[in-house]
Amino acid sequence: MPSRVLVVDDDAATCELIQEVLRSVDIDSLALTHSGQAVTCLAREKFDAVFLDVHMPKPDGIELTKKIRSGGLNTSTPILVITGEDDRALLARAFAAGANFFLFKPIAKHDILRLLRATKDSIESERRRFRRIKVSCKVSIESGSTQLTGKTLDMSVGGMFVQASDVLPMGTVAQVKIHVNSGPPVSLAARVLRISGEDCMGMHFESLTPQQNQGIQEFLLPLVLAKAD
């Protein structure tokens, strides 16, 4: 089961109902009744699953789904769309935007739990991708005329926490080279999502190519498995 879920619905009663069901099975959740707040929240925090109501003031559920799938921490997070309509055209639009499952109103507890069980495999896959491993690798970071050097404090397939000679402003997308092994460094783009102190940054990898993703996974997978053991 997921441990952290986001619920976005402009109907407070629906949010309370879903949160009550989630609490009954010891799942932590955050509920928002303003979809605009969800955009900021999704950019800052990784969730195990997201419930989105279709009909909300802009951005509505389909617009939010598209935004989630366009990039960021929750690109692959399971999305469960809430709707009171059995409209094939609407369902097709939501699927095309990137929704995984549908929850139809009126909402019943067993429907919520059934959907969470259905998403279990994809949730576990996401957790492995974002599992942080303490590892020290040399890193070089370049943004415009700024060039920094440093080392990773921990890494996942989704990003890294790095200690560097300086920090970049929040939201900056930089070119990064990570020396993960004795071969050539992995070069990729990363966005600054968090700053800690004067020399540490949390950075999320942006738009990884299959080769970049494979290079990081091949480096981290043995470390993840060793930690699990």
C-alpha atoms as a PDB file:
ATOM      1  CA  MET A   1       0.000   0.000   0.000  1.00  0.00           C
ATOM      2  CA  PRO A   2       1.140   3.585  -0.567  1.00  0.00           C
ATOM      3  CA  SER A   3       2.318   5.639   2.403  1.00  0.00           C
ATOM      4  CA  ARG A   4       1.714   9.170   1.089  1.00  0.00           C
ATOM      5  CA  VAL A   5      -1.222  10.122  -1.127  1.00  0.00           C
ATOM      6  CA  LEU A   6      -2.391  13.461  -2.542  1.00  0.00           C
ATOM      7  CA  VAL A   7      -6.142  14.091  -2.865  1.00  0.00           C
ATOM      8  CA  VAL A   8      -7.308  17.059  -4.967  1.00  0.00           C
ATOM      9  CA  ASP A   9     -11.046  17.785  -5.109  1.00  0.00           C
ATOM     10  CA  ASP A  10     -12.893  21.102  -4.756  1.00  0.00           C
ATOM     11  CA  ASP A  11     -15.569  19.274  -2.741  1.00  0.00           C
ATOM     12  CA  ALA A  12     -14.318  19.211   0.863  1.00  0.00           C
ATOM     13  CA  ALA A  13     -16.703  16.373   1.770  1.00  0.00           C
ATOM     14  CA  THR A  14     -15.183  14.118  -0.891  1.00  0.00           C
ATOM     15  CA  CYS A  15     -11.681  14.912   0.371  1.00  0.00           C
ATOM     16  CA  GLU A  16     -12.703  14.071   3.928  1.00  0.00           C
ATOM     17  CA  LEU A  17     -14.286  10.788   2.835  1.00  0.00           C
ATOM     18  CA  ILE A  18     -11.210   9.644   0.936  1.00  0.00           C
ATOM     19  CA  GLN A  19      -8.897  10.703   3.767  1.00  0.00           C
ATOM     20  CA  GLU A  20     -11.040   8.806   6.284  1.00  0.00           C
ATOM     21  CA  VAL A  21     -10.759   5.631   4.200  1.00  0.00           C
ATOM     22  CA  LEU A  22      -7.010   6.079   3.814  1.00  0.00           C
ATOM     23  CA  ARG A  23      -6.546   6.648   7.559  1.00  0.00           C
ATOM     24  CA  SER A  24      -8.453   3.432   8.257  1.00  0.00           C
ATOM     25  CA  VAL A  25      -5.620   1.506   6.582  1.00  0.00           C
ATOM     26  CA  ASP A  26      -2.815   3.695   7.992  1.00  0.00           C
ATOM     27  CA  ILE A  27      -2.136   5.665   4.808  1.00  0.00           C
ATOM     28  CA  ASP A  28      -1.001   9.263   5.219  1.00  0.00           C
ATOM     29  CA  SER A  29      -2.609  11.785   2.876  1.00  0.00           C
ATOM     30  CA  LEU A  30      -2.722  15.458   2.001  1.00  0.00           C
ATOM     31  CA  ALA A  31      -6.036  16.895   0.761  1.00  0.00           C
ATOM     32  CA  LEU A  32      -6.350  20.106  -1.249  1.00  0.00           C
ATOM     33  CA  THR A  33      -9.577  21.770  -2.369  1.00  0.00           C
ATOM     34  CA  HIS A  34      -7.826  24.299  -4.618  1.00  0.00           C
ATOM     35  CA  SER A  35      -6.265  22.736  -7.713  1.00  0.00           C
ATOM     36  CA  GLY A  36      -3.874  25.652  -8.152  1.00  0.00           C
ATOM     37  CA  GLN A  37      -2.211  24.712  -4.851  1.00  0.00           C
ATOM     38  CA  ALA A  38      -1.734  21.191  -6.148  1.00  0.00           C
ATOM     39  CA  VAL A  39       0.574  22.398  -8.941  1.00  0.00           C
ATOM     40  CA  THR A  40       3.028  23.822  -6.409  1.00  0.00           C
ATOM     41  CA  CYS A  41       2.698  20.844  -4.092  1.00  0.00           C
ATOM     42  CA  LEU A  42       3.344  18.297  -6.852  1.00  0.00           C
ATOM     43  CA  ALA A  43       6.480  20.188  -7.898  1.00  0.00           C
ATOM     44  CA  ARG A  44       7.920  19.950  -4.396  1.00  0.00           C
ATOM     45  CA  GLU A  45       6.886  16.546  -3.075  1.00  0.00           C
ATOM     46  CA  LYS A  46       6.889  12.975  -4.357  1.00  0.00           C
ATOM     47  CA  PHE A  47       3.632  11.096  -3.759  1.00  0.00           C
ATOM     48  CA  ASP A  48       2.874   7.371  -4.007  1.00  0.00           C
ATOM     49  CA  ALA A  49      -0.523   8.007  -5.614  1.00  0.00           C
ATOM     50  CA  VAL A  50      -2.671  11.002  -6.615  1.00  0.00           C
ATOM     51  CA  PHE A  51      -6.480  11.299  -6.588  1.00  0.00           C
ATOM     52  CA  LEU A  52      -7.731  14.047  -8.930  1.00  0.00           C
ATOM     53  CA  ASP A  53     -11.301  15.232  -9.439  1.00  0.00           C
ATOM     54  CA  VAL A  54     -12.088  15.866 -13.106  1.00  0.00           C
ATOM     55  CA  HIS A  55     -14.412  18.843 -12.660  1.00  0.00           C
ATOM     56  CA  MET A  56     -12.630  21.633 -10.775  1.00  0.00           C
ATOM     57  CA  PRO A  57     -11.890  25.293 -11.459  1.00  0.00           C
ATOM     58  CA  LYS A  58      -8.838  25.539 -13.702  1.00  0.00           C
ATOM     59  CA  PRO A  59      -6.660  23.628 -13.745  1.00  0.00           C
ATOM     60  CA  ASP A  60      -9.160  20.768 -13.779  1.00  0.00           C
ATOM     61  CA  GLY A  61      -8.243  17.124 -13.282  1.00  0.00           C
ATOM     62  CA  ILE A  62      -7.300  16.473 -16.899  1.00  0.00           C
ATOM     63  CA  GLU A  63      -5.132  19.597 -17.070  1.00  0.00           C
ATOM     64  CA  LEU A  64      -3.399  18.587 -13.834  1.00  0.00           C
ATOM     65  CA  THR A  65      -2.836  15.083 -15.180  1.00  0.00           C
ATOM     66  CA  LYS A  66      -1.161  16.488 -18.290  1.00  0.00           C
ATOM     67  CA  LYS A  67       1.046  18.716 -16.151  1.00  0.00           C
ATOM     68  CA  ILE A  68       2.074  15.843 -13.899  1.00  0.00           C
ATOM     69  CA  ARG A  69       2.980  13.676 -16.886  1.00  0.00           C
ATOM     70  CA  SER A  70       4.958  16.484 -18.556  1.00  0.00           C
ATOM     71  CA  GLY A  71       7.815  16.198 -16.045  1.00  0.00           C
ATOM     72  CA  GLY A  72       8.866  16.512 -12.421  1.00  0.00           C
ATOM     73  CA  LEU A  73       8.877  14.329  -9.336  1.00  0.00           C
ATOM     74  CA  ASN A  74       5.516  12.662 -10.032  1.00  0.00           C
ATOM     75  CA  THR A  75       5.829  11.926 -13.743  1.00  0.00           C
ATOM     76  CA  SER A  76       5.196   8.202 -13.210  1.00  0.00           C
ATOM     77  CA  THR A  77       3.067   8.388 -10.065  1.00  0.00           C
ATOM     78  CA  PRO A  78      -0.239   6.475 -10.410  1.00  0.00           C
ATOM     79  CA  ILE A  79      -3.122   8.912 -11.018  1.00  0.00           C
ATOM     80  CA  LEU A  80      -6.665   7.974  -9.977  1.00  0.00           C
ATOM     81  CA  VAL A  81      -9.239  10.266 -11.567  1.00  0.00           C
ATOM     82  CA  ILE A  82     -12.489  10.956  -9.695  1.00  0.00           C
ATOM     83  CA  THR A  83     -15.614  11.515 -11.784  1.00  0.00           C
ATOM     84  CA  GLY A  84     -19.370  11.378 -11.451  1.00  0.00           C
ATOM     85  CA  GLU A  85     -19.874  10.747 -15.167  1.00  0.00           C
ATOM     86  CA  ASP A  86     -19.777   7.600 -17.243  1.00  0.00           C
ATOM     87  CA  ASP A  87     -18.769   9.585 -20.332  1.00  0.00           C
ATOM     88  CA  ARG A  88     -16.618   7.595 -22.764  1.00  0.00           C
ATOM     89  CA  ALA A  89     -15.225  10.727 -24.406  1.00  0.00           C
ATOM     90  CA  LEU A  90     -14.227  12.138 -21.015  1.00  0.00           C
ATOM     91  CA  LEU A  91     -12.633   8.860 -19.947  1.00  0.00           C
ATOM     92  CA  ALA A  92     -10.718   8.702 -23.226  1.00  0.00           C
ATOM     93  CA  ARG A  93      -9.398  12.262 -22.688  1.00  0.00           C
ATOM     94  CA  ALA A  94      -8.272  11.397 -19.164  1.00  0.00           C
ATOM     95  CA  PHE A  95      -6.511   8.223 -20.327  1.00  0.00           C
ATOM     96  CA  ALA A  96      -4.828  10.151 -23.134  1.00  0.00           C
ATOM     97  CA  ALA A  97      -3.620  12.714 -20.581  1.00  0.00           C
ATOM     98  CA  GLY A  98      -2.013   9.960 -18.495  1.00  0.00           C
ATOM     99  CA  ALA A  99      -4.612   8.800 -15.936  1.00  0.00           C
ATOM    100  CA  ASN A 100      -4.264   5.195 -14.743  1.00  0.00           C
ATOM    101  CA  PHE A 101      -7.577   4.434 -13.009  1.00  0.00           C
ATOM    102  CA  PHE A 102     -11.044   5.903 -12.446  1.00  0.00           C
ATOM    103  CA  LEU A 103     -13.023   6.284  -9.235  1.00  0.00           C
ATOM    104  CA  PHE A 104     -16.723   6.870  -9.841  1.00  0.00           C
ATOM    105  CA  LYS A 105     -19.039   8.836  -7.556  1.00  0.00           C
ATOM    106  CA  PRO A 106     -20.738   8.031  -5.257  1.00  0.00           C
ATOM    107  CA  ILE A 107     -17.480   6.814  -3.745  1.00  0.00           C
ATOM    108  CA  ALA A 108     -17.415   3.628  -1.677  1.00  0.00           C
ATOM    109  CA  LYS A 109     -14.634   2.517   0.663  1.00  0.00           C
ATOM    110  CA  HIS A 110     -14.119  -0.828  -1.075  1.00  0.00           C
ATOM    111  CA  ASP A 111     -13.652   0.948  -4.435  1.00  0.00           C
ATOM    112  CA  ILE A 112     -10.832   3.097  -3.029  1.00  0.00           C
ATOM    113  CA  LEU A 113      -9.075   0.109  -1.460  1.00  0.00           C
ATOM    114  CA  ARG A 114      -9.518  -1.965  -4.622  1.00  0.00           C
ATOM    115  CA  LEU A 115      -7.846   0.739  -6.714  1.00  0.00           C
ATOM    116  CA  LEU A 116      -4.967   1.097  -4.278  1.00  0.00           C
ATOM    117  CA  ARG A 117      -4.359  -2.650  -4.454  1.00  0.00           C
ATOM    118  CA  ALA A 118      -4.436  -2.445  -8.247  1.00  0.00           C
ATOM    119  CA  THR A 119      -1.704   0.211  -8.212  1.00  0.00           C
ATOM    120  CA  LYS A 120       0.535  -1.727  -5.818  1.00  0.00           C
ATOM    121  CA  ASP A 121       3.057  -2.951  -8.419  1.00  0.00           C
ATOM    122  CA  SER A 122       3.546   0.441 -10.044  1.00  0.00           C
ATOM    123  CA  ILE A 123       3.835   2.104  -6.616  1.00  0.00           C
ATOM    124  CA  GLU A 124       6.551  -0.319  -5.545  1.00  0.00           C
ATOM    125  CA  SER A 125       8.382   0.274  -8.831  1.00  0.00           C
ATOM    126  CA  GLU A 126       8.278   4.036  -8.206  1.00  0.00           C
ATOM    127  CA  ARG A 127       9.561   3.601  -4.670  1.00  0.00           C
ATOM    128  CA  ARG A 128      12.566   1.663  -5.943  1.00  0.00           C
ATOM    129  CA  ARG A 129      13.247   4.405  -8.491  1.00  0.00           C
ATOM    130  CA  PHE A 130      13.183   7.128  -5.850  1.00  0.00           C
ATOM    131  CA  ARG A 131      14.835   5.173  -3.026  1.00  0.00           C
ATOM    132  CA  ARG A 132      17.775   7.224  -1.818  1.00  0.00           C
ATOM    133  CA  ILE A 133      21.126   5.526  -1.485  1.00  0.00           C
ATOM    134  CA  LYS A 134      23.981   7.135   0.397  1.00  0.00           C
ATOM    135  CA  VAL A 135      26.784   7.292  -2.133  1.00  0.00           C
ATOM    136  CA  SER A 136      29.607   9.718  -2.818  1.00  0.00           C
ATOM    137  CA  CYS A 137      30.344  10.548  -6.464  1.00  0.00           C
ATOM    138  CA  LYS A 138      32.240  13.486  -7.923  1.00  0.00           C
ATOM    139  CA  VAL A 139      29.912  15.985  -9.598  1.00  0.00           C
ATOM    140  CA  SER A 140      30.424  19.012 -11.822  1.00  0.00           C
ATOM    141  CA  ILE A 141      27.554  21.459 -12.305  1.00  0.00           C
ATOM    142  CA  GLU A 142      27.273  24.176 -14.948  1.00  0.00           C
ATOM    143  CA  SER A 143      24.602  26.857 -15.344  1.00  0.00           C
ATOM    144  CA  GLY A 144      25.406  29.761 -17.655  1.00  0.00           C
ATOM    145  CA  SER A 145      28.740  31.190 -16.541  1.00  0.00           C
ATOM    146  CA  THR A 146      28.538  29.443 -13.140  1.00  0.00           C
ATOM    147  CA  GLN A 147      30.589  26.296 -12.707  1.00  0.00           C
ATOM    148  CA  LEU A 148      30.481  24.298  -9.482  1.00  0.00           C
ATOM    149  CA  THR A 149      32.167  21.147  -8.256  1.00  0.00           C
ATOM    150  CA  GLY A 150      31.062  18.855  -5.494  1.00  0.00           C
ATOM    151  CA  LYS A 151      29.974  15.366  -4.491  1.00  0.00           C
ATOM    152  CA  THR A 152      26.720  13.490  -4.030  1.00  0.00           C
ATOM    153  CA  LEU A 153      25.540  12.763  -0.506  1.00  0.00           C
ATOM    154  CA  ASP A 154      22.783  10.459  -1.726  1.00  0.00           C
ATOM    155  CA  MET A 155      21.241   9.489  -5.061  1.00  0.00           C
ATOM    156  CA  SER A 156      18.196   7.848  -6.589  1.00  0.00           C
ATOM    157  CA  VAL A 157      17.207   7.234 -10.187  1.00  0.00           C
ATOM    158  CA  GLY A 158      15.093  10.385  -9.893  1.00  0.00           C
ATOM    159  CA  GLY A 159      17.659  12.794  -8.487  1.00  0.00           C
ATOM    160  CA  MET A 160      20.450  13.526  -6.032  1.00  0.00           C
ATOM    161  CA  PHE A 161      21.357  15.510  -2.946  1.00  0.00           C
ATOM    162  CA  VAL A 162      24.692  17.167  -3.596  1.00  0.00           C
ATOM    163  CA  GLN A 163      27.210  19.160  -1.586  1.00  0.00           C
ATOM    164  CA  ALA A 164      28.872  21.715  -3.870  1.00  0.00           C
ATOM    165  CA  SER A 165      31.175  24.721  -3.814  1.00  0.00           C
ATOM    166  CA  ASP A 166      28.065  26.958  -3.960  1.00  0.00           C
ATOM    167  CA  VAL A 167      24.311  26.673  -4.527  1.00  0.00           C
ATOM    168  CA  LEU A 168      22.128  27.702  -7.466  1.00  0.00           C
ATOM    169  CA  PRO A 169      18.756  29.461  -7.156  1.00  0.00           C
ATOM    170  CA  MET A 170      15.663  27.302  -6.706  1.00  0.00           C
ATOM    171  CA  GLY A 171      14.228  26.173 -10.031  1.00  0.00           C
ATOM    172  CA  THR A 172      17.514  26.489 -11.922  1.00  0.00           C
ATOM    173  CA  VAL A 173      18.102  23.811 -14.564  1.00  0.00           C
ATOM    174  CA  ALA A 174      21.803  22.997 -14.798  1.00  0.00           C
ATOM    175  CA  GLN A 175      23.966  20.651 -16.820  1.00  0.00           C
ATOM    176  CA  VAL A 176      25.459  18.010 -14.555  1.00  0.00           C
ATOM    177  CA  LYS A 177      28.214  15.441 -14.951  1.00  0.00           C
ATOM    178  CA  ILE A 178      28.220  12.583 -12.447  1.00  0.00           C
ATOM    179  CA  HIS A 179      31.258  10.325 -12.216  1.00  0.00           C
ATOM    180  CA  VAL A 180      29.450   7.129 -11.250  1.00  0.00           C
ATOM    181  CA  ASN A 181      32.205   4.675 -12.129  1.00  0.00           C
ATOM    182  CA  SER A 182      35.596   4.414 -13.797  1.00  0.00           C
ATOM    183  CA  GLY A 183      34.103   5.062 -17.240  1.00  0.00           C
ATOM    184  CA  PRO A 184      32.917   8.345 -18.786  1.00  0.00           C
ATOM    185  CA  PRO A 185      30.652  10.499 -16.571  1.00  0.00           C
ATOM    186  CA  VAL A 186      26.887  10.491 -16.964  1.00  0.00           C
ATOM    187  CA  SER A 187      25.864  13.882 -18.384  1.00  0.00           C
ATOM    188  CA  LEU A 188      22.313  15.120 -17.838  1.00  0.00           C
ATOM    189  CA  ALA A 189      20.111  18.071 -16.903  1.00  0.00           C
ATOM    190  CA  ALA A 190      18.925  18.542 -13.317  1.00  0.00           C
ATOM    191  CA  ARG A 191      16.650  21.078 -11.656  1.00  0.00           C
ATOM    192  CA  VAL A 192      17.274  22.549  -8.186  1.00  0.00           C
ATOM    193  CA  LEU A 193      14.252  21.717  -6.016  1.00  0.00           C
ATOM    194  CA  ARG A 194      15.681  22.253  -2.548  1.00  0.00           C
ATOM    195  CA  ILE A 195      18.486  24.198  -0.890  1.00  0.00           C
ATOM    196  CA  SER A 196      19.940  23.224   2.479  1.00  0.00           C
ATOM    197  CA  GLY A 197      22.432  25.535   4.125  1.00  0.00           C
ATOM    198  CA  GLU A 198      25.078  27.287   2.072  1.00  0.00           C
ATOM    199  CA  ASP A 199      26.410  24.367   0.070  1.00  0.00           C
ATOM    200  CA  CYS A 200      23.806  21.604  -0.343  1.00  0.00           C
ATOM    201  CA  MET A 201      21.120  21.194  -3.007  1.00  0.00           C
ATOM    202  CA  GLY A 202      18.445  18.670  -3.816  1.00  0.00           C
ATOM    203  CA  MET A 203      18.327  18.229  -7.605  1.00  0.00           C
ATOM    204  CA  HIS A 204      15.791  16.372  -9.750  1.00  0.00           C
ATOM    205  CA  PHE A 205      16.970  14.786 -13.007  1.00  0.00           C
ATOM    206  CA  GLU A 206      15.140  16.247 -16.016  1.00  0.00           C
ATOM    207  CA  SER A 207      14.128  14.453 -19.242  1.00  0.00           C
ATOM    208  CA  LEU A 208      16.504  11.509 -18.951  1.00  0.00           C
ATOM    209  CA  THR A 209      17.260   9.671 -22.177  1.00  0.00           C
ATOM    210  CA  PRO A 210      17.008   5.859 -22.050  1.00  0.00           C
ATOM    211  CA  GLN A 211      20.819   5.679 -22.060  1.00  0.00           C
ATOM    212  CA  GLN A 212      21.150   8.122 -19.154  1.00  0.00           C
ATOM    213  CA  ASN A 213      18.462   6.335 -17.164  1.00  0.00           C
ATOM    214  CA  GLN A 214      20.091   2.967 -17.809  1.00  0.00           C
ATOM    215  CA  GLY A 215      23.519   4.251 -16.759  1.00  0.00           C
ATOM    216  CA  ILE A 216      22.217   5.502 -13.409  1.00  0.00           C
ATOM    217  CA  GLN A 217      20.109   2.388 -12.795  1.00  0.00           C
ATOM    218  CA  GLU A 218      23.023   0.060 -13.528  1.00  0.00           C
ATOM    219  CA  PHE A 219      25.101   1.975 -10.999  1.00  0.00           C
ATOM    220  CA  LEU A 220      22.438   2.210  -8.267  1.00  0.00           C
ATOM    221  CA  LEU A 221      20.654  -1.154  -8.548  1.00  0.00           C
ATOM    222  CA  PRO A 222      23.376  -3.231  -6.843  1.00  0.00           C
ATOM    223  CA  LEU A 223      23.458  -0.662  -4.017  1.00  0.00           C
ATOM    224  CA  VAL A 224      19.653  -0.750  -3.644  1.00  0.00           C
ATOM    225  CA  LEU A 225      19.639  -4.554  -3.510  1.00  0.00           C
ATOM    226  CA  ALA A 226      22.499  -4.611  -1.022  1.00  0.00           C
ATOM    227  CA  LYS A 227      20.631  -2.195   1.245  1.00  0.00           C
ATOM    228  CA  ALA A 228      17.456  -4.272   0.984  1.00  0.00           C
ATOM    229  CA  ASP A 229      19.388  -7.351   2.119  1.00  0.00           C
END
